[in-house]
mmCIF file of all heavy atoms, coordinates in Angstrom:
data_MODEL
# 
_entry.id   MODEL 
# 
loop_
_atom_site.group_PDB 
_atom_site.id 
_atom_site.type_symbol 
_atom_site.label_atom_id 
_atom_site.label_alt_id 
_atom_site.label_comp_id 
_atom_site.label_asym_id 
_atom_site.label_entity_id 
_atom_site.label_seq_id 
_atom_site.pdbx_PDB_ins_code 
_atom_site.Cartn_x 
_atom_site.Cartn_y 
_atom_site.Cartn_z 
_atom_site.occupancy 
_atom_site.B_iso_or_equiv 
_atom_site.pdbx_formal_charge 
_atom_site.auth_seq_id 
_atom_site.auth_comp_id 
_atom_site.auth_asym_id 
_atom_site.auth_atom_id 
_atom_site.pdbx_PDB_model_num 
ATOM 1   N N   . ALA A 1 1  ? 120.174 182.702 49.503 1.00 0.00 ? 1  ALA A N   1 
ATOM 2   C CA  . ALA A 1 1  ? 121.103 183.765 49.112 1.00 0.00 ? 1  ALA A CA  1 
ATOM 3   C C   . ALA A 1 1  ? 120.717 184.321 47.737 1.00 0.00 ? 1  ALA A C   1 
ATOM 4   O O   . ALA A 1 1  ? 120.278 183.576 46.845 1.00 0.00 ? 1  ALA A O   1 
ATOM 5   C CB  . ALA A 1 1  ? 122.531 183.232 49.075 1.00 0.00 ? 1  ALA A CB  1 
ATOM 6   N N   . GLU A 1 2  ? 120.883 185.612 47.569 1.00 0.00 ? 2  GLU A N   1 
ATOM 7   C CA  . GLU A 1 2  ? 120.537 186.253 46.293 1.00 0.00 ? 2  GLU A CA  1 
ATOM 8   C C   . GLU A 1 2  ? 121.489 185.806 45.187 1.00 0.00 ? 2  GLU A C   1 
ATOM 9   O O   . GLU A 1 2  ? 122.708 185.729 45.383 1.00 0.00 ? 2  GLU A O   1 
ATOM 10  C CB  . GLU A 1 2  ? 120.591 187.773 46.438 1.00 0.00 ? 2  GLU A CB  1 
ATOM 11  C CG  . GLU A 1 2  ? 119.477 188.347 47.298 1.00 0.00 ? 2  GLU A CG  1 
ATOM 12  C CD  . GLU A 1 2  ? 119.434 189.860 47.241 1.00 0.00 ? 2  GLU A CD  1 
ATOM 13  O OE1 . GLU A 1 2  ? 120.105 190.437 46.361 1.00 0.00 ? 2  GLU A OE1 1 
ATOM 14  O OE2 . GLU A 1 2  ? 118.734 190.465 48.075 1.00 0.00 ? 2  GLU A OE2 1 
ATOM 15  N N   . HIS A 1 3  ? 120.912 185.511 44.041 1.00 0.00 ? 3  HIS A N   1 
ATOM 16  C CA  . HIS A 1 3  ? 121.679 185.108 42.863 1.00 0.00 ? 3  HIS A CA  1 
ATOM 17  C C   . HIS A 1 3  ? 120.794 185.370 41.646 1.00 0.00 ? 3  HIS A C   1 
ATOM 18  O O   . HIS A 1 3  ? 119.578 185.106 41.692 1.00 0.00 ? 3  HIS A O   1 
ATOM 19  C CB  . HIS A 1 3  ? 122.052 183.623 42.945 1.00 0.00 ? 3  HIS A CB  1 
ATOM 20  C CG  . HIS A 1 3  ? 123.003 183.172 41.883 1.00 0.00 ? 3  HIS A CG  1 
ATOM 21  N ND1 . HIS A 1 3  ? 122.622 182.987 40.560 1.00 0.00 ? 3  HIS A ND1 1 
ATOM 22  C CD2 . HIS A 1 3  ? 124.328 182.866 41.938 1.00 0.00 ? 3  HIS A CD2 1 
ATOM 23  C CE1 . HIS A 1 3  ? 123.658 182.580 39.866 1.00 0.00 ? 3  HIS A CE1 1 
ATOM 24  N NE2 . HIS A 1 3  ? 124.700 182.500 40.661 1.00 0.00 ? 3  HIS A NE2 1 
ATOM 25  N N   . PRO A 1 4  ? 121.341 185.871 40.567 1.00 0.00 ? 4  PRO A N   1 
ATOM 26  C CA  . PRO A 1 4  ? 120.506 186.213 39.407 1.00 0.00 ? 4  PRO A CA  1 
ATOM 27  C C   . PRO A 1 4  ? 119.757 185.029 38.802 1.00 0.00 ? 4  PRO A C   1 
ATOM 28  O O   . PRO A 1 4  ? 118.731 185.223 38.142 1.00 0.00 ? 4  PRO A O   1 
ATOM 29  C CB  . PRO A 1 4  ? 121.506 186.810 38.413 1.00 0.00 ? 4  PRO A CB  1 
ATOM 30  C CG  . PRO A 1 4  ? 122.855 186.384 38.884 1.00 0.00 ? 4  PRO A CG  1 
ATOM 31  C CD  . PRO A 1 4  ? 122.751 186.259 40.363 1.00 0.00 ? 4  PRO A CD  1 
ATOM 32  N N   . LEU A 1 5  ? 120.258 183.810 39.020 1.00 0.00 ? 5  LEU A N   1 
ATOM 33  C CA  . LEU A 1 5  ? 119.602 182.640 38.445 1.00 0.00 ? 5  LEU A CA  1 
ATOM 34  C C   . LEU A 1 5  ? 118.740 181.877 39.448 1.00 0.00 ? 5  LEU A C   1 
ATOM 35  O O   . LEU A 1 5  ? 118.160 180.842 39.102 1.00 0.00 ? 5  LEU A O   1 
ATOM 36  C CB  . LEU A 1 5  ? 120.647 181.676 37.858 1.00 0.00 ? 5  LEU A CB  1 
ATOM 37  C CG  . LEU A 1 5  ? 121.408 182.159 36.625 1.00 0.00 ? 5  LEU A CG  1 
ATOM 38  C CD1 . LEU A 1 5  ? 122.414 181.115 36.178 1.00 0.00 ? 5  LEU A CD1 1 
ATOM 39  C CD2 . LEU A 1 5  ? 120.436 182.478 35.490 1.00 0.00 ? 5  LEU A CD2 1 
ATOM 40  N N   . VAL A 1 6  ? 118.667 182.372 40.672 1.00 0.00 ? 6  VAL A N   1 
ATOM 41  C CA  . VAL A 1 6  ? 117.957 181.648 41.731 1.00 0.00 ? 6  VAL A CA  1 
ATOM 42  C C   . VAL A 1 6  ? 116.726 182.435 42.178 1.00 0.00 ? 6  VAL A C   1 
ATOM 43  O O   . VAL A 1 6  ? 116.824 183.606 42.546 1.00 0.00 ? 6  VAL A O   1 
ATOM 44  C CB  . VAL A 1 6  ? 118.873 181.380 42.940 1.00 0.00 ? 6  VAL A CB  1 
ATOM 45  C CG1 . VAL A 1 6  ? 118.107 180.651 44.043 1.00 0.00 ? 6  VAL A CG1 1 
ATOM 46  C CG2 . VAL A 1 6  ? 120.092 180.558 42.515 1.00 0.00 ? 6  VAL A CG2 1 
ATOM 47  N N   . THR A 1 7  ? 115.579 181.769 42.146 1.00 0.00 ? 7  THR A N   1 
ATOM 48  C CA  . THR A 1 7  ? 114.322 182.375 42.580 1.00 0.00 ? 7  THR A CA  1 
ATOM 49  C C   . THR A 1 7  ? 113.771 181.605 43.773 1.00 0.00 ? 7  THR A C   1 
ATOM 50  O O   . THR A 1 7  ? 113.443 180.412 43.637 1.00 0.00 ? 7  THR A O   1 
ATOM 51  C CB  . THR A 1 7  ? 113.276 182.348 41.447 1.00 0.00 ? 7  THR A CB  1 
ATOM 52  O OG1 . THR A 1 7  ? 113.794 183.016 40.301 1.00 0.00 ? 7  THR A OG1 1 
ATOM 53  C CG2 . THR A 1 7  ? 111.979 183.007 41.903 1.00 0.00 ? 7  THR A CG2 1 
ATOM 54  N N   . PRO A 1 8  ? 113.669 182.234 44.938 1.00 0.00 ? 8  PRO A N   1 
ATOM 55  C CA  . PRO A 1 8  ? 113.085 181.541 46.097 1.00 0.00 ? 8  PRO A CA  1 
ATOM 56  C C   . PRO A 1 8  ? 111.582 181.336 45.899 1.00 0.00 ? 8  PRO A C   1 
ATOM 57  O O   . PRO A 1 8  ? 110.886 182.199 45.356 1.00 0.00 ? 8  PRO A O   1 
ATOM 58  C CB  . PRO A 1 8  ? 113.353 182.491 47.268 1.00 0.00 ? 8  PRO A CB  1 
ATOM 59  C CG  . PRO A 1 8  ? 114.328 183.500 46.759 1.00 0.00 ? 8  PRO A CG  1 
ATOM 60  C CD  . PRO A 1 8  ? 114.123 183.583 45.285 1.00 0.00 ? 8  PRO A CD  1 
ATOM 61  N N   . VAL A 1 9  ? 111.092 180.172 46.330 1.00 0.00 ? 9  VAL A N   1 
ATOM 62  C CA  . VAL A 1 9  ? 109.673 179.851 46.272 1.00 0.00 ? 9  VAL A CA  1 
ATOM 63  C C   . VAL A 1 9  ? 109.259 179.296 47.636 1.00 0.00 ? 9  VAL A C   1 
ATOM 64  O O   . VAL A 1 9  ? 109.906 178.380 48.148 1.00 0.00 ? 9  VAL A O   1 
ATOM 65  C CB  . VAL A 1 9  ? 109.374 178.811 45.171 1.00 0.00 ? 9  VAL A CB  1 
ATOM 66  C CG1 . VAL A 1 9  ? 107.900 178.430 45.164 1.00 0.00 ? 9  VAL A CG1 1 
ATOM 67  C CG2 . VAL A 1 9  ? 109.795 179.327 43.804 1.00 0.00 ? 9  VAL A CG2 1 
ATOM 68  N N   . ARG A 1 10 ? 108.191 179.858 48.190 1.00 0.00 ? 10 ARG A N   1 
ATOM 69  C CA  . ARG A 1 10 ? 107.730 179.386 49.495 1.00 0.00 ? 10 ARG A CA  1 
ATOM 70  C C   . ARG A 1 10 ? 107.058 178.023 49.343 1.00 0.00 ? 10 ARG A C   1 
ATOM 71  O O   . ARG A 1 10 ? 106.141 177.850 48.536 1.00 0.00 ? 10 ARG A O   1 
ATOM 72  C CB  . ARG A 1 10 ? 106.762 180.378 50.122 1.00 0.00 ? 10 ARG A CB  1 
ATOM 73  C CG  . ARG A 1 10 ? 106.449 180.077 51.591 1.00 0.00 ? 10 ARG A CG  1 
ATOM 74  C CD  . ARG A 1 10 ? 105.423 181.052 52.145 1.00 0.00 ? 10 ARG A CD  1 
ATOM 75  N NE  . ARG A 1 10 ? 105.776 182.426 51.887 1.00 0.00 ? 10 ARG A NE  1 
ATOM 76  C CZ  . ARG A 1 10 ? 106.638 183.124 52.613 1.00 0.00 ? 10 ARG A CZ  1 
ATOM 77  N NH1 . ARG A 1 10 ? 107.280 182.543 53.614 1.00 0.00 ? 10 ARG A NH1 1 
ATOM 78  N NH2 . ARG A 1 10 ? 106.890 184.386 52.316 1.00 0.00 ? 10 ARG A NH2 1 
ATOM 79  N N   . LEU A 1 11 ? 107.497 177.061 50.160 1.00 0.00 ? 11 LEU A N   1 
ATOM 80  C CA  . LEU A 1 11 ? 106.906 175.725 50.088 1.00 0.00 ? 11 LEU A CA  1 
ATOM 81  C C   . LEU A 1 11 ? 107.202 174.935 51.355 1.00 0.00 ? 11 LEU A C   1 
ATOM 82  O O   . LEU A 1 11 ? 108.348 174.696 51.696 1.00 0.00 ? 11 LEU A O   1 
ATOM 83  C CB  . LEU A 1 11 ? 107.450 174.956 48.871 1.00 0.00 ? 11 LEU A CB  1 
ATOM 84  C CG  . LEU A 1 11 ? 107.010 173.490 48.730 1.00 0.00 ? 11 LEU A CG  1 
ATOM 85  C CD1 . LEU A 1 11 ? 105.495 173.376 48.689 1.00 0.00 ? 11 LEU A CD1 1 
ATOM 86  C CD2 . LEU A 1 11 ? 107.621 172.855 47.488 1.00 0.00 ? 11 LEU A CD2 1 
ATOM 87  N N   . ASP A 1 12 ? 106.150 174.517 52.020 1.00 0.00 ? 12 ASP A N   1 
ATOM 88  C CA  . ASP A 1 12 ? 106.211 173.520 53.079 1.00 0.00 ? 12 ASP A CA  1 
ATOM 89  C C   . ASP A 1 12 ? 105.701 172.232 52.461 1.00 0.00 ? 12 ASP A C   1 
ATOM 90  O O   . ASP A 1 12 ? 104.530 172.137 52.064 1.00 0.00 ? 12 ASP A O   1 
ATOM 91  C CB  . ASP A 1 12 ? 105.331 173.944 54.266 1.00 0.00 ? 12 ASP A CB  1 
ATOM 92  C CG  . ASP A 1 12 ? 105.341 172.933 55.408 1.00 0.00 ? 12 ASP A CG  1 
ATOM 93  O OD1 . ASP A 1 12 ? 105.736 171.776 55.170 1.00 0.00 ? 12 ASP A OD1 1 
ATOM 94  O OD2 . ASP A 1 12 ? 104.938 173.292 56.526 1.00 0.00 ? 12 ASP A OD2 1 
ATOM 95  N N   . VAL A 1 13 ? 106.560 171.224 52.343 1.00 0.00 ? 13 VAL A N   1 
ATOM 96  C CA  . VAL A 1 13 ? 106.199 170.024 51.592 1.00 0.00 ? 13 VAL A CA  1 
ATOM 97  C C   . VAL A 1 13 ? 105.062 169.243 52.236 1.00 0.00 ? 13 VAL A C   1 
ATOM 98  O O   . VAL A 1 13 ? 104.454 168.386 51.582 1.00 0.00 ? 13 VAL A O   1 
ATOM 99  C CB  . VAL A 1 13 ? 107.419 169.094 51.381 1.00 0.00 ? 13 VAL A CB  1 
ATOM 100 C CG1 . VAL A 1 13 ? 108.520 169.805 50.614 1.00 0.00 ? 13 VAL A CG1 1 
ATOM 101 C CG2 . VAL A 1 13 ? 107.932 168.533 52.698 1.00 0.00 ? 13 VAL A CG2 1 
ATOM 102 N N   . THR A 1 14 ? 104.762 169.514 53.498 1.00 0.00 ? 14 THR A N   1 
ATOM 103 C CA  . THR A 1 14 ? 103.662 168.807 54.144 1.00 0.00 ? 14 THR A CA  1 
ATOM 104 C C   . THR A 1 14 ? 102.308 169.408 53.803 1.00 0.00 ? 14 THR A C   1 
ATOM 105 O O   . THR A 1 14 ? 101.278 168.895 54.235 1.00 0.00 ? 14 THR A O   1 
ATOM 106 C CB  . THR A 1 14 ? 103.831 168.799 55.671 1.00 0.00 ? 14 THR A CB  1 
ATOM 107 O OG1 . THR A 1 14 ? 103.787 170.143 56.166 1.00 0.00 ? 14 THR A OG1 1 
ATOM 108 C CG2 . THR A 1 14 ? 105.147 168.157 56.071 1.00 0.00 ? 14 THR A CG2 1 
ATOM 109 N N   . SER A 1 15 ? 102.295 170.481 53.034 1.00 0.00 ? 15 SER A N   1 
ATOM 110 C CA  . SER A 1 15 ? 101.044 171.121 52.632 1.00 0.00 ? 15 SER A CA  1 
ATOM 111 C C   . SER A 1 15 ? 100.824 170.910 51.139 1.00 0.00 ? 15 SER A C   1 
ATOM 112 O O   . SER A 1 15 ? 101.506 171.510 50.303 1.00 0.00 ? 15 SER A O   1 
ATOM 113 C CB  . SER A 1 15 ? 101.076 172.624 52.949 1.00 0.00 ? 15 SER A CB  1 
ATOM 114 O OG  . SER A 1 15 ? 99.964  173.274 52.372 1.00 0.00 ? 15 SER A OG  1 
ATOM 115 N N   . ALA A 1 16 ? 99.834  170.083 50.799 1.00 0.00 ? 16 ALA A N   1 
ATOM 116 C CA  . ALA A 1 16 ? 99.527  169.858 49.388 1.00 0.00 ? 16 ALA A CA  1 
ATOM 117 C C   . ALA A 1 16 ? 99.057  171.153 48.727 1.00 0.00 ? 16 ALA A C   1 
ATOM 118 O O   . ALA A 1 16 ? 99.348  171.396 47.544 1.00 0.00 ? 16 ALA A O   1 
ATOM 119 C CB  . ALA A 1 16 ? 98.457  168.780 49.252 1.00 0.00 ? 16 ALA A CB  1 
ATOM 120 N N   . ALA A 1 17 ? 98.358  171.981 49.488 1.00 0.00 ? 17 ALA A N   1 
ATOM 121 C CA  . ALA A 1 17 ? 97.888  173.260 48.937 1.00 0.00 ? 17 ALA A CA  1 
ATOM 122 C C   . ALA A 1 17 ? 99.063  174.166 48.593 1.00 0.00 ? 17 ALA A C   1 
ATOM 123 O O   . ALA A 1 17 ? 99.080  174.811 47.533 1.00 0.00 ? 17 ALA A O   1 
ATOM 124 C CB  . ALA A 1 17 ? 96.962  173.954 49.937 1.00 0.00 ? 17 ALA A CB  1 
ATOM 125 N N   . GLU A 1 18 ? 100.072 174.228 49.475 1.00 0.00 ? 18 GLU A N   1 
ATOM 126 C CA  . GLU A 1 18 ? 101.255 175.043 49.183 1.00 0.00 ? 18 GLU A CA  1 
ATOM 127 C C   . GLU A 1 18 ? 102.016 174.499 47.989 1.00 0.00 ? 18 GLU A C   1 
ATOM 128 O O   . GLU A 1 18 ? 102.594 175.264 47.209 1.00 0.00 ? 18 GLU A O   1 
ATOM 129 C CB  . GLU A 1 18 ? 102.174 175.119 50.406 1.00 0.00 ? 18 GLU A CB  1 
ATOM 130 C CG  . GLU A 1 18 ? 101.752 176.161 51.425 1.00 0.00 ? 18 GLU A CG  1 
ATOM 131 C CD  . GLU A 1 18 ? 102.879 176.548 52.365 1.00 0.00 ? 18 GLU A CD  1 
ATOM 132 O OE1 . GLU A 1 18 ? 104.075 176.344 52.028 1.00 0.00 ? 18 GLU A OE1 1 
ATOM 133 O OE2 . GLU A 1 18 ? 102.571 177.059 53.461 1.00 0.00 ? 18 GLU A OE2 1 
ATOM 134 N N   . ALA A 1 19 ? 102.041 173.177 47.841 1.00 0.00 ? 19 ALA A N   1 
ATOM 135 C CA  . ALA A 1 19 ? 102.724 172.587 46.690 1.00 0.00 ? 19 ALA A CA  1 
ATOM 136 C C   . ALA A 1 19 ? 102.057 173.029 45.389 1.00 0.00 ? 19 ALA A C   1 
ATOM 137 O O   . ALA A 1 19 ? 102.739 173.385 44.415 1.00 0.00 ? 19 ALA A O   1 
ATOM 138 C CB  . ALA A 1 19 ? 102.724 171.066 46.798 1.00 0.00 ? 19 ALA A CB  1 
ATOM 139 N N   . LEU A 1 20 ? 100.732 173.029 45.369 1.00 0.00 ? 20 LEU A N   1 
ATOM 140 C CA  . LEU A 1 20 ? 100.014 173.471 44.169 1.00 0.00 ? 20 LEU A CA  1 
ATOM 141 C C   . LEU A 1 20 ? 100.234 174.957 43.917 1.00 0.00 ? 20 LEU A C   1 
ATOM 142 O O   . LEU A 1 20 ? 100.408 175.385 42.762 1.00 0.00 ? 20 LEU A O   1 
ATOM 143 C CB  . LEU A 1 20 ? 98.525  173.172 44.324 1.00 0.00 ? 20 LEU A CB  1 
ATOM 144 C CG  . LEU A 1 20 ? 98.140  171.685 44.287 1.00 0.00 ? 20 LEU A CG  1 
ATOM 145 C CD1 . LEU A 1 20 ? 96.679  171.506 44.689 1.00 0.00 ? 20 LEU A CD1 1 
ATOM 146 C CD2 . LEU A 1 20 ? 98.394  171.089 42.909 1.00 0.00 ? 20 LEU A CD2 1 
ATOM 147 N N   . GLU A 1 21 ? 100.242 175.761 44.985 1.00 0.00 ? 21 GLU A N   1 
ATOM 148 C CA  . GLU A 1 21 ? 100.505 177.191 44.841 1.00 0.00 ? 21 GLU A CA  1 
ATOM 149 C C   . GLU A 1 21 ? 101.914 177.440 44.307 1.00 0.00 ? 21 GLU A C   1 
ATOM 150 O O   . GLU A 1 21 ? 102.135 178.311 43.459 1.00 0.00 ? 21 GLU A O   1 
ATOM 151 C CB  . GLU A 1 21 ? 100.322 177.890 46.184 1.00 0.00 ? 21 GLU A CB  1 
ATOM 152 C CG  . GLU A 1 21 ? 98.872  177.962 46.654 1.00 0.00 ? 21 GLU A CG  1 
ATOM 153 C CD  . GLU A 1 21 ? 98.760  178.527 48.052 1.00 0.00 ? 21 GLU A CD  1 
ATOM 154 O OE1 . GLU A 1 21 ? 99.792  178.981 48.594 1.00 0.00 ? 21 GLU A OE1 1 
ATOM 155 O OE2 . GLU A 1 21 ? 97.644  178.512 48.608 1.00 0.00 ? 21 GLU A OE2 1 
ATOM 156 N N   . ALA A 1 22 ? 102.878 176.655 44.815 1.00 0.00 ? 22 ALA A N   1 
ATOM 157 C CA  . ALA A 1 22 ? 104.260 176.802 44.352 1.00 0.00 ? 22 ALA A CA  1 
ATOM 158 C C   . ALA A 1 22 ? 104.368 176.462 42.873 1.00 0.00 ? 22 ALA A C   1 
ATOM 159 O O   . ALA A 1 22 ? 105.092 177.119 42.113 1.00 0.00 ? 22 ALA A O   1 
ATOM 160 C CB  . ALA A 1 22 ? 105.183 175.901 45.171 1.00 0.00 ? 22 ALA A CB  1 
ATOM 161 N N   . ALA A 1 23 ? 103.642 175.439 42.443 1.00 0.00 ? 23 ALA A N   1 
ATOM 162 C CA  . ALA A 1 23 ? 103.670 175.063 41.025 1.00 0.00 ? 23 ALA A CA  1 
ATOM 163 C C   . ALA A 1 23 ? 103.121 176.192 40.151 1.00 0.00 ? 23 ALA A C   1 
ATOM 164 O O   . ALA A 1 23 ? 103.657 176.479 39.072 1.00 0.00 ? 23 ALA A O   1 
ATOM 165 C CB  . ALA A 1 23 ? 102.869 173.787 40.808 1.00 0.00 ? 23 ALA A CB  1 
ATOM 166 N N   . GLU A 1 24 ? 102.074 176.843 40.611 1.00 0.00 ? 24 GLU A N   1 
ATOM 167 C CA  . GLU A 1 24 ? 101.518 177.963 39.850 1.00 0.00 ? 24 GLU A CA  1 
ATOM 168 C C   . GLU A 1 24 ? 102.482 179.150 39.837 1.00 0.00 ? 24 GLU A C   1 
ATOM 169 O O   . GLU A 1 24 ? 102.615 179.849 38.836 1.00 0.00 ? 24 GLU A O   1 
ATOM 170 C CB  . GLU A 1 24 ? 100.168 178.367 40.430 1.00 0.00 ? 24 GLU A CB  1 
ATOM 171 C CG  . GLU A 1 24 ? 99.059  177.365 40.139 1.00 0.00 ? 24 GLU A CG  1 
ATOM 172 C CD  . GLU A 1 24 ? 98.930  177.064 38.651 1.00 0.00 ? 24 GLU A CD  1 
ATOM 173 O OE1 . GLU A 1 24 ? 98.869  178.029 37.852 1.00 0.00 ? 24 GLU A OE1 1 
ATOM 174 O OE2 . GLU A 1 24 ? 98.932  175.874 38.294 1.00 0.00 ? 24 GLU A OE2 1 
ATOM 175 N N   . THR A 1 25 ? 103.153 179.376 40.969 1.00 0.00 ? 25 THR A N   1 
ATOM 176 C CA  . THR A 1 25 ? 104.149 180.452 41.035 1.00 0.00 ? 25 THR A CA  1 
ATOM 177 C C   . THR A 1 25 ? 105.275 180.202 40.036 1.00 0.00 ? 25 THR A C   1 
ATOM 178 O O   . THR A 1 25 ? 105.711 181.115 39.314 1.00 0.00 ? 25 THR A O   1 
ATOM 179 C CB  . THR A 1 25 ? 104.732 180.552 42.455 1.00 0.00 ? 25 THR A CB  1 
ATOM 180 O OG1 . THR A 1 25 ? 103.684 180.883 43.371 1.00 0.00 ? 25 THR A OG1 1 
ATOM 181 C CG2 . THR A 1 25 ? 105.823 181.605 42.533 1.00 0.00 ? 25 THR A CG2 1 
ATOM 182 N N   . VAL A 1 26 ? 105.748 178.972 39.991 1.00 0.00 ? 26 VAL A N   1 
ATOM 183 C CA  . VAL A 1 26 ? 106.827 178.617 39.068 1.00 0.00 ? 26 VAL A CA  1 
ATOM 184 C C   . VAL A 1 26 ? 106.342 178.743 37.622 1.00 0.00 ? 26 VAL A C   1 
ATOM 185 O O   . VAL A 1 26 ? 107.052 179.279 36.752 1.00 0.00 ? 26 VAL A O   1 
ATOM 186 C CB  . VAL A 1 26 ? 107.345 177.199 39.358 1.00 0.00 ? 26 VAL A CB  1 
ATOM 187 C CG1 . VAL A 1 26 ? 108.299 176.727 38.254 1.00 0.00 ? 26 VAL A CG1 1 
ATOM 188 C CG2 . VAL A 1 26 ? 108.049 177.154 40.716 1.00 0.00 ? 26 VAL A CG2 1 
ATOM 189 N N   . ARG A 1 27 ? 105.143 178.258 37.347 1.00 0.00 ? 27 ARG A N   1 
ATOM 190 C CA  . ARG A 1 27 ? 104.603 178.356 35.977 1.00 0.00 ? 27 ARG A CA  1 
ATOM 191 C C   . ARG A 1 27 ? 104.573 179.803 35.508 1.00 0.00 ? 27 ARG A C   1 
ATOM 192 O O   . ARG A 1 27 ? 104.974 180.123 34.383 1.00 0.00 ? 27 ARG A O   1 
ATOM 193 C CB  . ARG A 1 27 ? 103.201 177.750 35.910 1.00 0.00 ? 27 ARG A CB  1 
ATOM 194 C CG  . ARG A 1 27 ? 102.566 177.851 34.526 1.00 0.00 ? 27 ARG A CG  1 
ATOM 195 C CD  . ARG A 1 27 ? 101.156 177.293 34.510 1.00 0.00 ? 27 ARG A CD  1 
ATOM 196 N NE  . ARG A 1 27 ? 101.149 175.849 34.683 1.00 0.00 ? 27 ARG A NE  1 
ATOM 197 C CZ  . ARG A 1 27 ? 101.362 174.980 33.696 1.00 0.00 ? 27 ARG A CZ  1 
ATOM 198 N NH1 . ARG A 1 27 ? 101.633 175.419 32.464 1.00 0.00 ? 27 ARG A NH1 1 
ATOM 199 N NH2 . ARG A 1 27 ? 101.335 173.685 33.933 1.00 0.00 ? 27 ARG A NH2 1 
ATOM 200 N N   . ALA A 1 28 ? 104.129 180.695 36.392 1.00 0.00 ? 28 ALA A N   1 
ATOM 201 C CA  . ALA A 1 28 ? 104.027 182.102 36.024 1.00 0.00 ? 28 ALA A CA  1 
ATOM 202 C C   . ALA A 1 28 ? 105.392 182.742 35.810 1.00 0.00 ? 28 ALA A C   1 
ATOM 203 O O   . ALA A 1 28 ? 105.531 183.685 35.023 1.00 0.00 ? 28 ALA A O   1 
ATOM 204 C CB  . ALA A 1 28 ? 103.261 182.860 37.112 1.00 0.00 ? 28 ALA A CB  1 
# 
């Protein structure tokens, strides 16, 4: 749900590659 303090991040926890991508997305 949309909220000014909430940012959706795509992540399937079974994918180590997606986890690393999510970390970079959050860092940015």
